[in-house]
Protein backbone atom coordinates (compact mmCIF):
# COMPACT_ATOMS: atom_id res chain seq x y z
CA MET A 1 9.83 23.12 10.30
CA GLY A 2 11.60 19.46 10.88
CA GLU A 3 9.13 16.15 10.91
CA PRO A 4 10.08 13.71 13.58
CA ARG A 5 11.32 10.34 12.19
CA THR A 6 12.02 6.95 13.74
CA PRO A 7 15.75 6.94 13.59
CA LEU A 8 17.61 3.72 12.44
CA PRO A 9 17.93 0.78 13.93
CA VAL A 10 21.29 0.66 15.87
CA THR A 11 23.80 -2.51 16.40
CA LEU A 12 23.75 -3.32 20.09
CA PHE A 13 27.30 -4.24 21.83
CA MET A 14 28.62 -5.11 24.86
CA SER A 15 31.73 -5.21 27.21
CA VAL A 16 31.72 -7.81 29.12
CA ILE A 17 34.64 -8.27 32.05
CA PHE A 18 34.80 -10.82 33.91
CA ASN A 19 37.65 -12.94 36.39
CA ALA A 20 36.64 -16.59 35.43
CA GLU A 21 35.82 -18.08 32.09
CA SER A 22 32.67 -20.12 33.74
CA ILE A 23 31.30 -16.84 34.70
CA LEU A 24 31.75 -15.48 31.10
CA GLY A 25 29.99 -18.35 29.68
CA LYS A 26 27.23 -18.51 31.89
CA ALA A 27 26.87 -14.28 31.44
CA LEU A 28 26.85 -14.94 27.56
CA GLU A 29 24.71 -17.90 27.55
CA ASP A 30 21.87 -15.44 29.45
CA LEU A 31 22.68 -12.36 27.11
CA GLN A 32 21.95 -14.75 24.14
CA GLN A 33 18.60 -15.63 25.77
CA GLU A 34 17.59 -12.00 25.96
CA TYR A 35 19.01 -10.37 23.04
CA GLY A 36 19.56 -13.66 20.57
CA ALA A 37 22.57 -14.46 18.71
CA ILE A 38 25.95 -13.23 19.30
CA ASP A 39 27.28 -12.32 15.58
CA TRP A 40 30.62 -11.05 16.59
CA MET A 41 32.84 -11.36 19.85
CA SER A 42 36.74 -9.46 20.20
CA GLU A 43 39.48 -11.83 21.33
CA ARG A 44 39.76 -12.03 24.89
CA LEU A 45 41.78 -8.48 25.98
CA PRO A 46 43.37 -7.89 29.18
CA PHE A 47 41.52 -5.25 31.22
CA ASP A 48 44.18 -3.03 32.68
CA PHE A 49 43.59 0.59 31.94
CA THR A 50 42.17 1.00 35.64
CA ASP A 51 41.54 -0.63 38.90
CA TYR A 52 38.35 0.28 39.30
CA TYR A 53 36.60 -3.06 39.84
CA ALA A 54 40.06 -4.51 41.47
CA ARG A 55 38.32 -4.02 45.26
CA GLU A 56 35.35 -6.10 44.12
CA MET A 57 36.07 -8.19 41.31
CA GLY A 58 39.46 -8.67 41.80
CA THR A 59 42.64 -8.52 39.89
CA GLY A 60 43.56 -9.85 36.58
CA LEU A 61 40.49 -9.10 34.80
CA PHE A 62 40.13 -9.34 31.04
CA ARG A 63 37.03 -8.10 28.47
CA HIS A 64 35.59 -9.34 25.59
CA PHE A 65 32.97 -7.00 23.49
CA VAL A 66 30.21 -8.90 21.79
CA THR A 67 27.93 -7.66 19.39
CA PHE A 68 24.52 -9.39 18.49
CA ALA A 69 22.69 -10.40 15.24
CA SER A 70 19.49 -8.31 15.58
CA LEU A 71 19.20 -4.41 15.38
CA ILE A 72 17.75 -2.86 18.01
CA PRO A 73 15.83 0.65 18.37
CA ARG A 74 17.95 3.18 20.14
CA GLU A 75 15.30 3.63 22.76
CA SER A 76 16.09 0.51 23.97
CA LEU A 77 19.37 0.86 25.51
CA PRO A 78 17.58 1.86 29.03
CA GLU A 79 15.93 -1.36 29.59
CA ILE A 80 18.92 -3.49 28.32
CA LYS A 81 20.79 -1.73 31.05
CA LEU A 82 18.56 -2.90 33.46
CA ASN A 83 18.85 -6.23 32.38
CA THR A 84 22.30 -6.15 32.01
CA ASN A 85 22.34 -4.75 35.78
CA ARG A 86 20.10 -7.66 36.51
CA ILE A 87 22.68 -10.65 35.08
CA GLU A 88 25.35 -9.14 37.01
CA ALA A 89 23.67 -9.77 40.09
CA ARG A 90 22.77 -13.18 39.34
CA TRP A 91 26.04 -14.29 39.03
CA SER A 92 27.36 -12.05 41.78
CA THR A 93 29.03 -14.16 45.00
CA VAL A 94 27.06 -14.47 48.19
CA GLU A 95 28.44 -11.86 49.33
CA GLY A 96 27.04 -9.48 46.86
CA ARG A 97 30.67 -9.18 45.13
CA ARG A 98 30.23 -9.58 41.27
CA GLN A 99 31.91 -11.73 39.00
CA VAL A 100 31.37 -10.01 35.60
CA ASN A 101 30.23 -6.09 34.38
CA ILE A 102 28.26 -6.22 31.47
CA ASP A 103 28.09 -2.92 29.80
CA PRO A 104 25.91 -2.53 26.84
CA GLY A 105 25.88 0.67 23.79
CA TYR A 106 25.01 1.22 20.51
CA LEU A 107 26.81 1.56 17.58
CA CYS A 108 25.41 3.57 14.64
CA LEU A 109 27.08 5.21 11.80
CA GLU A 110 27.35 9.02 14.14
CA HIS A 111 28.40 7.57 17.23
CA ILE A 112 28.84 5.13 20.07
CA VAL A 113 26.72 5.28 23.02
CA LEU A 114 27.41 3.55 26.46
CA ALA A 115 24.46 2.93 28.91
CA THR A 116 24.99 3.95 32.44
CA THR A 117 23.62 4.85 35.82
CA LYS A 118 25.86 7.84 36.55
CA GLY A 119 24.95 11.28 35.15
CA TYR A 120 27.35 13.94 34.46
CA ALA A 121 27.57 16.95 32.18
CA HIS A 122 27.75 14.96 28.83
CA ARG A 123 25.26 12.15 29.99
CA PRO A 124 21.96 13.09 29.32
CA TYR A 125 19.18 11.32 30.97
CA LEU A 126 17.44 8.73 29.04
CA SER A 127 14.84 6.99 31.49
CA LYS A 128 14.78 4.55 34.24
CA GLY A 129 17.21 5.89 36.14
CA ILE A 130 20.16 5.34 33.14
CA TYR A 131 21.79 7.94 31.16
CA ALA A 132 23.37 8.10 27.90
CA ASP A 133 27.26 8.47 27.63
CA LEU A 134 28.06 9.47 24.17
CA THR A 135 31.74 8.05 23.69
CA LEU A 136 32.72 8.10 20.41
CA ILE A 137 31.92 10.18 17.36
CA TYR A 138 32.20 9.07 13.65
CA ARG A 139 34.49 11.80 11.63
CA LYS A 140 36.91 11.78 8.72
CA GLY A 141 36.39 8.07 8.07
CA SER A 142 37.04 6.65 11.71
CA PHE A 143 35.73 6.86 14.97
CA GLN A 144 37.18 9.49 16.96
CA PRO A 145 37.44 9.71 21.05
CA LEU A 146 36.10 13.13 23.05
CA GLU A 147 37.86 14.93 26.03
CA TRP A 148 36.24 12.29 28.06
CA THR A 149 36.11 9.33 26.75
CA TYR A 150 37.48 6.37 28.62
CA PRO A 151 40.81 5.76 28.09
CA ASP A 152 40.42 1.77 26.85
CA TYR A 153 38.08 3.11 24.34
CA ARG A 154 40.41 5.56 23.02
CA GLN A 155 43.31 2.81 22.20
CA GLU A 156 43.90 2.82 18.28
CA GLN A 157 42.88 -1.19 18.42
CA THR A 158 39.65 -0.45 20.27
CA LEU A 159 39.04 2.33 17.37
CA GLN A 160 39.75 0.08 14.85
CA MET A 161 37.31 -2.85 16.09
CA PHE A 162 34.66 0.09 16.25
CA ASN A 163 35.68 0.71 12.52
CA GLN A 164 35.15 -2.77 11.92
CA ILE A 165 31.71 -3.45 13.47
CA ARG A 166 30.57 -0.24 11.85
CA LYS A 167 31.23 -1.99 8.69
CA ARG A 168 29.36 -5.06 9.33
CA TYR A 169 26.04 -2.61 10.90
CA LEU A 170 26.38 -0.54 7.17
CA LEU A 171 25.71 -4.30 5.66
CA LYS A 172 22.93 -5.13 7.91
CA LEU A 173 21.55 -1.85 7.37
CA ARG A 174 21.59 -2.45 3.62
CA GLU A 175 20.33 -6.23 3.98
CA THR A 176 17.54 -4.96 6.49
CA GLN A 177 16.35 -1.33 5.22
CA GLY A 178 16.34 -2.23 1.64
CA ARG A 179 18.19 1.03 0.99
CA ARG A 180 21.88 2.44 0.35
CA CYS A 181 22.69 3.95 3.88
């Protein structure tokens, strides 16, 4: 019989899609107030894999991926998603159109999980109206996409970025957990 154990803490990351640098700065300030220091941020990437947000946010969107210095418990993901929704609403237009989209997720040794409000066959329910989207799995020395992985998360550049974040995560685990992981 297996004994229940608390899993290792994870790296919190966020995909921040935006239409104006000024809104990005405000959203990042809010995120740092909630989750502490950002310890890594990607270069500014064009968000052109889909026009899903164009109607609400316009065209010519960009994205940054950010990670935070402190590791988090996995079970905090639903509350984090609800909080990022509040931040999105805070910076929405008077008409209620978002100017920033913040998708939180976590990275651990074995996979990457995104938080979503939309259920589906591959998205188990967590709590508080939030589902887990298993997006990438770590196998054969690299993160690998699954049949439902979003196109932008399938890109070699994105996979390599997450592999580098995983290396940073391993170092943090060794520092904070006091053992070889």
